[in-house]
């Protein structure tokens, strides 16, 4: 599976199915974020919110005509990537959540700000 998310998935009748598109896109985004099936209840929402979040101002999303996968362009640096620019930040949120569940403390998030 490429890092880019596929924009359009056809159903059994060959027509694009928006619900199927969304569920496949979210599943692929969970995979990019490293969210395992056993963690979906705790962290699945991060992928759902992340995929709907606006990109940073200098970034735009485009669909590759030959594959249908989405790629991202950073217009300031003039580079493109298959990875959504939010992925590193969202991975960090997942990592913080995992650590929080392992060693809960009332001041955990304050301790992580440093």
N, C-alpha and C. Protein backbone atom coordinates (compact mmCIF):
# COMPACT_ATOMS: atom_id res chain seq x y z
N UNK A 1 0.85 -1.19 0.00
CA UNK A 1 0.00 0.00 0.00
C UNK A 1 0.88 1.23 0.00
N UNK A 2 0.64 2.12 -0.94
CA UNK A 2 1.38 3.37 -0.98
C UNK A 2 0.97 4.24 0.18
N UNK A 3 1.82 5.20 0.52
CA UNK A 3 1.50 6.10 1.62
C UNK A 3 0.35 7.02 1.28
N UNK A 4 0.17 7.39 0.01
CA UNK A 4 -0.93 8.27 -0.36
C UNK A 4 -2.26 7.56 -0.20
N UNK A 5 -3.28 8.29 0.14
CA UNK A 5 -4.60 7.71 0.29
C UNK A 5 -5.29 7.68 -1.06
N UNK A 6 -5.96 6.59 -1.35
CA UNK A 6 -6.70 6.51 -2.60
C UNK A 6 -7.98 7.30 -2.46
N UNK A 7 -8.24 8.15 -3.41
CA UNK A 7 -9.38 9.05 -3.34
C UNK A 7 -10.68 8.35 -3.70
N UNK A 8 -10.66 7.45 -4.64
CA UNK A 8 -11.92 6.89 -5.14
C UNK A 8 -11.85 5.37 -5.15
N UNK A 9 -12.82 4.72 -4.58
CA UNK A 9 -12.91 3.27 -4.57
C UNK A 9 -14.25 2.89 -5.18
N UNK A 10 -14.23 2.03 -6.17
CA UNK A 10 -15.47 1.64 -6.84
C UNK A 10 -16.12 0.48 -6.11
N UNK A 11 -17.42 0.50 -6.05
CA UNK A 11 -18.19 -0.58 -5.45
C UNK A 11 -18.34 -1.72 -6.44
N UNK A 12 -19.15 -2.73 -6.09
CA UNK A 12 -19.35 -3.89 -6.96
C UNK A 12 -19.94 -3.53 -8.31
N UNK A 13 -20.71 -2.43 -8.36
CA UNK A 13 -21.34 -2.04 -9.61
C UNK A 13 -20.43 -1.13 -10.45
N UNK A 14 -19.18 -0.89 -10.00
CA UNK A 14 -18.26 -0.06 -10.74
C UNK A 14 -18.41 1.43 -10.45
N UNK A 15 -19.44 1.79 -9.69
CA UNK A 15 -19.67 3.19 -9.36
C UNK A 15 -18.94 3.53 -8.06
N UNK A 16 -18.49 4.76 -7.96
CA UNK A 16 -17.82 5.20 -6.74
C UNK A 16 -18.81 5.18 -5.59
N UNK A 17 -18.38 4.72 -4.44
CA UNK A 17 -19.22 4.63 -3.26
C UNK A 17 -18.62 5.51 -2.18
N UNK A 18 -19.24 6.66 -1.86
CA UNK A 18 -18.66 7.58 -0.87
C UNK A 18 -18.42 6.96 0.49
N UNK A 19 -19.31 6.08 0.96
CA UNK A 19 -19.10 5.45 2.26
C UNK A 19 -17.91 4.51 2.23
N UNK A 20 -17.78 3.77 1.14
CA UNK A 20 -16.65 2.86 0.96
C UNK A 20 -15.37 3.68 0.84
N UNK A 21 -15.43 4.78 0.08
CA UNK A 21 -14.27 5.67 -0.06
C UNK A 21 -13.79 6.12 1.31
N UNK A 22 -14.72 6.60 2.12
CA UNK A 22 -14.37 7.16 3.42
C UNK A 22 -13.81 6.09 4.35
N UNK A 23 -14.44 4.92 4.40
CA UNK A 23 -13.95 3.88 5.30
C UNK A 23 -12.57 3.38 4.88
N UNK A 24 -12.33 3.27 3.56
CA UNK A 24 -11.01 2.85 3.08
C UNK A 24 -9.97 3.93 3.36
N UNK A 25 -10.34 5.18 3.17
CA UNK A 25 -9.42 6.29 3.43
C UNK A 25 -9.06 6.35 4.91
N UNK A 26 -10.03 6.17 5.78
CA UNK A 26 -9.77 6.21 7.22
C UNK A 26 -8.91 5.01 7.62
N UNK A 27 -9.20 3.83 7.07
CA UNK A 27 -8.39 2.65 7.38
C UNK A 27 -6.94 2.86 6.94
N UNK A 28 -6.75 3.43 5.76
CA UNK A 28 -5.39 3.69 5.26
C UNK A 28 -4.70 4.73 6.13
N UNK A 29 -5.45 5.73 6.59
CA UNK A 29 -4.87 6.78 7.42
C UNK A 29 -4.49 6.21 8.79
N UNK A 30 -5.31 5.31 9.33
CA UNK A 30 -4.97 4.64 10.59
C UNK A 30 -3.65 3.88 10.42
N UNK A 31 -3.51 3.23 9.28
CA UNK A 31 -2.29 2.48 9.01
C UNK A 31 -1.09 3.43 8.95
N UNK A 32 -1.24 4.58 8.29
CA UNK A 32 -0.16 5.56 8.23
C UNK A 32 0.23 6.06 9.61
N UNK A 33 -0.75 6.18 10.49
CA UNK A 33 -0.50 6.67 11.84
C UNK A 33 0.02 5.59 12.77
N UNK A 34 0.03 4.34 12.30
CA UNK A 34 0.50 3.23 13.12
C UNK A 34 -0.51 2.77 14.16
N UNK A 35 -1.78 3.05 13.90
CA UNK A 35 -2.84 2.62 14.83
C UNK A 35 -3.20 1.18 14.50
N UNK A 36 -3.02 0.29 15.47
CA UNK A 36 -3.31 -1.13 15.28
C UNK A 36 -4.79 -1.39 15.49
N UNK A 37 -5.28 -2.50 14.94
CA UNK A 37 -6.69 -2.86 15.08
C UNK A 37 -7.10 -2.90 16.55
N UNK A 38 -6.22 -3.39 17.41
CA UNK A 38 -6.55 -3.49 18.83
C UNK A 38 -6.63 -2.12 19.51
N UNK A 39 -6.17 -1.07 18.82
CA UNK A 39 -6.17 0.28 19.40
C UNK A 39 -7.25 1.19 18.83
N UNK A 40 -8.08 0.65 17.94
CA UNK A 40 -9.07 1.49 17.26
C UNK A 40 -10.01 2.20 18.23
N UNK A 41 -10.41 1.55 19.28
CA UNK A 41 -11.34 2.17 20.22
C UNK A 41 -10.70 3.39 20.89
N UNK A 42 -9.42 3.27 21.25
CA UNK A 42 -8.75 4.38 21.92
C UNK A 42 -8.30 5.47 20.95
N UNK A 43 -7.80 5.08 19.77
CA UNK A 43 -7.13 6.05 18.90
C UNK A 43 -7.73 6.22 17.51
N UNK A 44 -8.75 5.45 17.16
CA UNK A 44 -9.34 5.56 15.83
C UNK A 44 -9.85 6.95 15.52
N UNK A 45 -10.34 7.64 16.53
CA UNK A 45 -10.88 9.00 16.34
C UNK A 45 -9.80 9.96 15.83
N UNK A 46 -8.54 9.70 16.18
CA UNK A 46 -7.46 10.59 15.73
C UNK A 46 -7.36 10.55 14.21
N UNK A 47 -7.47 9.37 13.63
CA UNK A 47 -7.43 9.25 12.17
C UNK A 47 -8.65 9.90 11.54
N UNK A 48 -9.82 9.70 12.14
CA UNK A 48 -11.05 10.27 11.59
C UNK A 48 -11.02 11.80 11.60
N UNK A 49 -10.55 12.38 12.70
CA UNK A 49 -10.45 13.83 12.79
C UNK A 49 -9.32 14.34 11.90
N UNK A 50 -8.19 13.63 11.92
CA UNK A 50 -7.03 14.05 11.13
C UNK A 50 -7.29 14.10 9.65
N UNK A 51 -8.02 13.12 9.15
CA UNK A 51 -8.27 13.07 7.71
C UNK A 51 -9.22 14.19 7.27
N UNK A 52 -10.01 14.70 8.20
CA UNK A 52 -10.95 15.79 7.89
C UNK A 52 -10.36 17.17 8.18
N UNK A 53 -9.20 17.21 8.82
CA UNK A 53 -8.60 18.48 9.23
C UNK A 53 -7.99 19.20 8.02
N UNK A 54 -8.04 20.52 8.03
CA UNK A 54 -7.41 21.27 6.94
C UNK A 54 -5.89 21.11 6.98
N UNK A 55 -5.30 21.17 5.82
CA UNK A 55 -3.85 21.09 5.73
C UNK A 55 -3.24 22.41 6.19
N UNK A 56 -1.96 22.38 6.59
CA UNK A 56 -1.29 23.64 6.89
C UNK A 56 -1.36 24.57 5.67
N UNK A 57 -1.31 25.90 5.89
CA UNK A 57 -1.54 26.87 4.81
C UNK A 57 -0.68 26.69 3.55
N UNK A 58 0.55 26.27 3.68
CA UNK A 58 1.42 26.18 2.50
C UNK A 58 1.23 24.88 1.72
N UNK A 59 0.40 23.98 2.21
CA UNK A 59 0.23 22.66 1.62
C UNK A 59 -1.08 22.57 0.83
N UNK A 60 -1.06 21.79 -0.25
CA UNK A 60 -2.28 21.46 -0.99
C UNK A 60 -2.27 19.97 -1.31
N UNK A 61 -3.44 19.39 -1.47
CA UNK A 61 -3.59 17.98 -1.81
C UNK A 61 -3.98 17.86 -3.27
N UNK A 62 -3.45 16.83 -3.94
CA UNK A 62 -3.72 16.59 -5.35
C UNK A 62 -3.89 15.09 -5.56
N UNK A 63 -4.62 14.72 -6.59
CA UNK A 63 -4.82 13.32 -6.91
C UNK A 63 -3.94 12.94 -8.10
N UNK A 64 -3.18 11.86 -7.93
CA UNK A 64 -2.35 11.35 -9.02
C UNK A 64 -3.26 10.70 -10.05
N UNK A 65 -3.19 11.16 -11.29
CA UNK A 65 -4.10 10.68 -12.33
C UNK A 65 -3.95 9.20 -12.62
N UNK A 66 -2.74 8.66 -12.56
CA UNK A 66 -2.57 7.25 -12.94
C UNK A 66 -2.94 6.28 -11.82
N UNK A 67 -2.71 6.66 -10.56
CA UNK A 67 -2.97 5.73 -9.46
C UNK A 67 -4.24 6.05 -8.67
N UNK A 68 -4.66 7.33 -8.69
CA UNK A 68 -5.79 7.75 -7.88
C UNK A 68 -5.40 8.10 -6.45
N UNK A 69 -4.13 7.91 -6.11
CA UNK A 69 -3.66 8.23 -4.76
C UNK A 69 -3.49 9.73 -4.60
N UNK A 70 -3.67 10.18 -3.37
CA UNK A 70 -3.51 11.59 -3.05
C UNK A 70 -2.05 11.85 -2.68
N UNK A 71 -1.51 12.94 -3.23
CA UNK A 71 -0.18 13.39 -2.82
C UNK A 71 -0.29 14.84 -2.38
N UNK A 72 0.72 15.32 -1.69
CA UNK A 72 0.68 16.63 -1.06
C UNK A 72 1.84 17.48 -1.54
N UNK A 73 1.59 18.77 -1.77
CA UNK A 73 2.61 19.68 -2.26
C UNK A 73 2.83 20.79 -1.23
N UNK A 74 4.10 20.96 -0.85
CA UNK A 74 4.52 22.06 0.02
C UNK A 74 4.99 23.17 -0.93
N UNK A 75 4.20 24.21 -1.07
CA UNK A 75 4.49 25.26 -2.04
C UNK A 75 5.65 26.16 -1.60
N UNK A 76 5.94 26.23 -0.31
CA UNK A 76 7.07 27.03 0.16
C UNK A 76 8.40 26.36 -0.20
N UNK A 77 8.47 25.06 0.00
CA UNK A 77 9.72 24.33 -0.28
C UNK A 77 9.75 23.71 -1.67
N UNK A 78 8.62 23.76 -2.39
CA UNK A 78 8.51 23.19 -3.74
C UNK A 78 8.84 21.69 -3.75
N UNK A 79 8.24 20.96 -2.81
CA UNK A 79 8.41 19.51 -2.74
C UNK A 79 7.04 18.86 -2.63
N UNK A 80 6.99 17.59 -3.03
CA UNK A 80 5.75 16.83 -2.90
C UNK A 80 6.03 15.58 -2.08
N UNK A 81 4.95 15.03 -1.52
CA UNK A 81 5.07 13.86 -0.66
C UNK A 81 3.78 13.04 -0.74
N UNK A 82 3.91 11.73 -0.59
CA UNK A 82 2.73 10.88 -0.50
C UNK A 82 2.12 10.96 0.89
N UNK A 83 2.89 11.46 1.85
CA UNK A 83 2.43 11.50 3.24
C UNK A 83 1.76 12.83 3.56
N UNK A 84 0.58 12.75 4.15
CA UNK A 84 -0.13 13.94 4.62
C UNK A 84 0.79 14.67 5.60
N UNK A 85 0.94 15.99 5.47
CA UNK A 85 1.86 16.72 6.35
C UNK A 85 1.45 16.70 7.83
N UNK A 86 0.24 16.29 8.14
CA UNK A 86 -0.20 16.21 9.53
C UNK A 86 0.24 14.91 10.20
N UNK A 87 0.65 13.91 9.40
CA UNK A 87 0.96 12.58 9.94
C UNK A 87 1.98 12.61 11.07
N UNK A 88 3.13 13.29 10.94
CA UNK A 88 4.09 13.26 12.06
C UNK A 88 3.49 13.79 13.37
N UNK A 89 2.66 14.80 13.29
CA UNK A 89 2.05 15.38 14.50
C UNK A 89 1.00 14.43 15.08
N UNK A 90 0.23 13.80 14.20
CA UNK A 90 -0.80 12.88 14.67
C UNK A 90 -0.18 11.60 15.24
N UNK A 91 0.95 11.16 14.65
CA UNK A 91 1.66 10.01 15.21
C UNK A 91 2.12 10.32 16.63
N UNK A 92 2.55 11.55 16.84
CA UNK A 92 3.00 11.96 18.19
C UNK A 92 1.82 11.91 19.17
N UNK A 93 0.64 12.30 18.73
CA UNK A 93 -0.54 12.24 19.60
C UNK A 93 -0.85 10.79 19.96
N UNK A 94 -0.76 9.90 18.98
CA UNK A 94 -0.98 8.46 19.25
C UNK A 94 0.06 7.96 20.24
N UNK A 95 1.32 8.34 20.04
CA UNK A 95 2.40 7.91 20.95
C UNK A 95 2.15 8.42 22.37
N UNK A 96 1.75 9.68 22.50
CA UNK A 96 1.43 10.22 23.82
C UNK A 96 0.27 9.46 24.47
N UNK A 97 -0.74 9.14 23.66
CA UNK A 97 -1.88 8.38 24.18
C UNK A 97 -1.48 7.00 24.66
N UNK A 98 -0.62 6.33 23.91
CA UNK A 98 -0.14 5.01 24.32
C UNK A 98 0.61 5.11 25.65
N UNK A 99 1.51 6.08 25.73
CA UNK A 99 2.29 6.25 26.97
C UNK A 99 1.39 6.60 28.14
N UNK A 100 0.39 7.42 27.90
CA UNK A 100 -0.55 7.80 28.96
C UNK A 100 -1.27 6.57 29.49
N UNK A 101 -1.72 5.70 28.58
CA UNK A 101 -2.43 4.50 29.01
C UNK A 101 -1.52 3.55 29.78
N UNK A 102 -0.22 3.55 29.46
CA UNK A 102 0.74 2.68 30.15
C UNK A 102 1.06 3.19 31.55
N UNK A 103 1.22 4.49 31.68
CA UNK A 103 1.66 5.05 32.98
C UNK A 103 0.84 6.29 33.30
N UNK A 104 -0.42 6.06 33.61
CA UNK A 104 -1.33 7.14 33.94
C UNK A 104 -0.85 7.92 35.16
N UNK A 105 -0.89 9.23 35.03
CA UNK A 105 -0.68 10.11 36.19
C UNK A 105 -1.47 11.39 35.94
N UNK A 106 -1.92 12.00 37.00
CA UNK A 106 -2.76 13.20 36.87
C UNK A 106 -2.06 14.31 36.11
N UNK A 107 -0.75 14.45 36.25
CA UNK A 107 -0.02 15.52 35.58
C UNK A 107 0.70 15.09 34.33
N UNK A 108 0.33 13.95 33.74
CA UNK A 108 1.05 13.39 32.60
C UNK A 108 1.21 14.37 31.45
N UNK A 109 0.13 15.01 31.03
CA UNK A 109 0.21 15.88 29.85
C UNK A 109 1.00 17.15 30.14
N UNK A 110 0.95 17.63 31.36
CA UNK A 110 1.77 18.79 31.74
C UNK A 110 3.25 18.42 31.66
N UNK A 111 3.58 17.19 32.08
CA UNK A 111 4.95 16.73 32.04
C UNK A 111 5.47 16.60 30.61
N UNK A 112 4.59 16.36 29.65
CA UNK A 112 4.99 16.15 28.27
C UNK A 112 5.22 17.45 27.50
N UNK A 113 4.81 18.55 28.04
CA UNK A 113 4.91 19.83 27.32
C UNK A 113 6.35 20.30 27.09
N UNK A 114 7.27 19.89 27.92
CA UNK A 114 8.65 20.36 27.85
C UNK A 114 9.31 20.10 26.60
